[in-house]
């Protein structure tokens, strides 16, 4: 990925989309191998990950009451 590029993963239910995002954003630690990029490796603090432009959003957030 280049600078300022947006990347998305799409697929059917159960394909592992959430698992890969959890691994990249360090919610999960891989049992084997590594995941990461842009100088990010497991065990680094969340602010280090965010400074490199790696983030996660959630589908069902409600910022304001409806």
N, C-alpha and C. Protein backbone atom coordinates (compact mmCIF):
# COMPACT_ATOMS: atom_id res chain seq x y z
N UNK A 1 0.83 -1.18 0.00
CA UNK A 1 0.00 0.00 0.00
C UNK A 1 0.88 1.23 0.00
N UNK A 2 0.44 2.21 -0.75
CA UNK A 2 1.13 3.48 -0.78
C UNK A 2 0.59 4.44 0.27
N UNK A 3 1.27 5.56 0.39
CA UNK A 3 0.84 6.60 1.33
C UNK A 3 -0.54 7.10 0.91
N UNK A 4 -1.42 7.29 1.88
CA UNK A 4 -2.78 7.80 1.69
C UNK A 4 -3.66 6.86 0.87
N UNK A 5 -3.31 5.59 0.76
CA UNK A 5 -4.17 4.61 0.12
C UNK A 5 -5.09 4.00 1.17
N UNK A 6 -6.28 3.65 0.76
CA UNK A 6 -7.25 3.00 1.63
C UNK A 6 -7.38 1.56 1.17
N UNK A 7 -7.42 0.66 2.10
CA UNK A 7 -7.49 -0.77 1.78
C UNK A 7 -8.66 -1.36 2.53
N UNK A 8 -9.45 -2.19 1.87
CA UNK A 8 -10.60 -2.83 2.51
C UNK A 8 -10.57 -4.32 2.22
N UNK A 9 -11.14 -5.08 3.11
CA UNK A 9 -11.28 -6.52 2.93
C UNK A 9 -12.77 -6.83 2.93
N UNK A 10 -13.23 -7.51 1.89
CA UNK A 10 -14.63 -7.89 1.82
C UNK A 10 -14.71 -9.41 1.64
N UNK A 11 -15.81 -9.98 2.06
CA UNK A 11 -16.00 -11.41 1.91
C UNK A 11 -17.22 -11.86 2.68
N UNK A 12 -17.61 -13.11 2.47
CA UNK A 12 -18.81 -13.62 3.14
C UNK A 12 -18.58 -13.83 4.64
N UNK A 13 -19.68 -14.02 5.35
CA UNK A 13 -19.59 -14.32 6.79
C UNK A 13 -18.72 -15.56 7.00
N UNK A 14 -17.88 -15.49 8.01
CA UNK A 14 -17.03 -16.63 8.35
C UNK A 14 -15.75 -16.74 7.55
N UNK A 15 -15.46 -15.76 6.70
CA UNK A 15 -14.27 -15.82 5.85
C UNK A 15 -13.00 -15.41 6.59
N UNK A 16 -13.12 -14.82 7.77
CA UNK A 16 -11.94 -14.43 8.55
C UNK A 16 -11.59 -12.96 8.49
N UNK A 17 -12.52 -12.13 7.98
CA UNK A 17 -12.24 -10.69 7.89
C UNK A 17 -11.96 -10.08 9.26
N UNK A 18 -12.79 -10.36 10.22
CA UNK A 18 -12.60 -9.81 11.56
C UNK A 18 -11.31 -10.33 12.18
N UNK A 19 -11.02 -11.59 11.97
CA UNK A 19 -9.79 -12.17 12.53
C UNK A 19 -8.55 -11.50 11.98
N UNK A 20 -8.52 -11.21 10.69
CA UNK A 20 -7.33 -10.57 10.13
C UNK A 20 -7.20 -9.13 10.63
N UNK A 21 -8.32 -8.41 10.75
CA UNK A 21 -8.25 -7.06 11.30
C UNK A 21 -7.81 -7.09 12.76
N UNK A 22 -8.31 -8.04 13.52
CA UNK A 22 -7.90 -8.16 14.92
C UNK A 22 -6.41 -8.46 15.03
N UNK A 23 -5.89 -9.23 14.12
CA UNK A 23 -4.46 -9.54 14.14
C UNK A 23 -3.63 -8.33 13.74
N UNK A 24 -4.02 -7.64 12.68
CA UNK A 24 -3.27 -6.47 12.21
C UNK A 24 -3.29 -5.36 13.26
N UNK A 25 -4.45 -5.15 13.89
CA UNK A 25 -4.56 -4.08 14.88
C UNK A 25 -4.12 -4.53 16.27
N UNK A 26 -3.59 -5.73 16.37
CA UNK A 26 -3.00 -6.29 17.58
C UNK A 26 -4.01 -6.58 18.69
N UNK A 27 -5.27 -6.77 18.33
CA UNK A 27 -6.25 -7.26 19.31
C UNK A 27 -5.93 -8.73 19.60
N UNK A 28 -5.55 -9.49 18.55
CA UNK A 28 -5.11 -10.88 18.68
C UNK A 28 -3.62 -10.95 18.41
N UNK A 29 -2.99 -11.94 19.00
CA UNK A 29 -1.60 -12.26 18.67
C UNK A 29 -1.62 -13.55 17.85
N UNK A 30 -0.90 -13.59 16.74
CA UNK A 30 -0.91 -14.81 15.93
C UNK A 30 -0.25 -15.97 16.66
N UNK A 31 -0.77 -17.18 16.46
CA UNK A 31 -0.16 -18.36 17.05
C UNK A 31 1.11 -18.74 16.29
N UNK A 32 1.14 -18.42 14.99
CA UNK A 32 2.31 -18.69 14.16
C UNK A 32 2.51 -17.51 13.22
N UNK A 33 3.72 -17.29 12.80
CA UNK A 33 4.01 -16.25 11.83
C UNK A 33 3.88 -14.85 12.42
N UNK A 34 3.77 -13.88 11.53
CA UNK A 34 3.67 -12.48 11.93
C UNK A 34 2.65 -11.76 11.06
N UNK A 35 2.13 -10.70 11.58
CA UNK A 35 1.33 -9.78 10.78
C UNK A 35 1.74 -8.38 11.17
N UNK A 36 1.51 -7.47 10.31
CA UNK A 36 1.88 -6.09 10.59
C UNK A 36 2.33 -5.41 9.31
N UNK A 37 2.92 -4.29 9.46
CA UNK A 37 3.40 -3.52 8.32
C UNK A 37 3.68 -2.11 8.76
N UNK A 38 4.30 -1.36 7.88
CA UNK A 38 4.64 0.04 8.18
C UNK A 38 5.45 0.16 9.46
N UNK A 39 6.33 -0.79 9.71
CA UNK A 39 7.16 -0.73 10.90
C UNK A 39 6.47 -1.16 12.18
N UNK A 40 5.32 -1.81 12.07
CA UNK A 40 4.57 -2.24 13.25
C UNK A 40 4.78 -3.73 13.46
N UNK A 41 5.11 -4.10 14.69
CA UNK A 41 5.28 -5.50 15.06
C UNK A 41 4.55 -5.72 16.37
N UNK A 42 4.18 -6.96 16.64
CA UNK A 42 3.42 -7.27 17.86
C UNK A 42 4.19 -6.87 19.11
N UNK A 43 3.45 -6.39 20.08
CA UNK A 43 4.03 -5.99 21.34
C UNK A 43 4.27 -4.49 21.44
N UNK A 44 4.09 -3.77 20.33
CA UNK A 44 4.28 -2.32 20.39
C UNK A 44 3.02 -1.67 20.93
N UNK A 45 3.17 -0.51 21.59
CA UNK A 45 2.00 0.15 22.18
C UNK A 45 1.02 0.64 21.12
N UNK A 46 -0.28 0.73 21.47
CA UNK A 46 -1.30 1.15 20.51
C UNK A 46 -1.01 2.50 19.85
N UNK A 47 -0.41 3.45 20.58
CA UNK A 47 -0.15 4.75 19.96
C UNK A 47 0.90 4.63 18.86
N UNK A 48 1.83 3.70 18.99
CA UNK A 48 2.83 3.46 17.94
C UNK A 48 2.14 2.94 16.68
N UNK A 49 1.19 2.04 16.87
CA UNK A 49 0.44 1.47 15.74
C UNK A 49 -0.38 2.57 15.07
N UNK A 50 -1.09 3.37 15.84
CA UNK A 50 -1.94 4.44 15.30
C UNK A 50 -1.12 5.50 14.57
N UNK A 51 0.06 5.83 15.08
CA UNK A 51 0.91 6.83 14.42
C UNK A 51 1.32 6.39 13.02
N UNK A 52 1.29 5.11 12.75
CA UNK A 52 1.66 4.60 11.45
C UNK A 52 0.45 4.40 10.53
N UNK A 53 -0.70 4.91 10.96
CA UNK A 53 -1.89 4.90 10.11
C UNK A 53 -2.66 3.60 10.10
N UNK A 54 -2.42 2.74 11.07
CA UNK A 54 -3.16 1.49 11.15
C UNK A 54 -4.23 1.65 12.21
N UNK A 55 -5.48 1.48 11.80
CA UNK A 55 -6.60 1.70 12.71
C UNK A 55 -7.71 0.72 12.40
N UNK A 56 -8.64 0.66 13.29
CA UNK A 56 -9.78 -0.22 13.13
C UNK A 56 -11.04 0.55 13.49
N UNK A 57 -12.10 0.32 12.74
CA UNK A 57 -13.39 0.92 13.07
C UNK A 57 -14.40 -0.20 13.28
N UNK A 58 -15.49 0.14 13.93
CA UNK A 58 -16.53 -0.84 14.18
C UNK A 58 -17.80 -0.42 13.46
N UNK A 59 -18.57 -1.40 13.02
CA UNK A 59 -19.77 -1.15 12.24
C UNK A 59 -20.90 -0.53 13.05
N UNK A 60 -21.10 -0.99 14.23
CA UNK A 60 -22.30 -0.64 14.99
C UNK A 60 -22.03 0.35 16.11
N UNK A 61 -21.32 1.43 15.81
CA UNK A 61 -21.09 2.42 16.86
C UNK A 61 -22.21 3.45 16.84
N UNK A 62 -22.54 3.96 17.99
CA UNK A 62 -23.56 5.01 18.10
C UNK A 62 -22.94 6.15 18.89
N UNK A 63 -22.52 7.19 18.18
CA UNK A 63 -21.87 8.32 18.82
C UNK A 63 -22.85 9.19 19.59
N UNK A 64 -24.06 9.29 19.06
CA UNK A 64 -25.07 10.14 19.67
C UNK A 64 -26.35 9.34 19.81
N UNK A 65 -27.10 9.55 20.88
CA UNK A 65 -28.37 8.83 21.03
C UNK A 65 -29.33 9.22 19.90
N UNK A 66 -30.10 8.24 19.47
CA UNK A 66 -31.08 8.52 18.40
C UNK A 66 -32.49 8.53 18.94
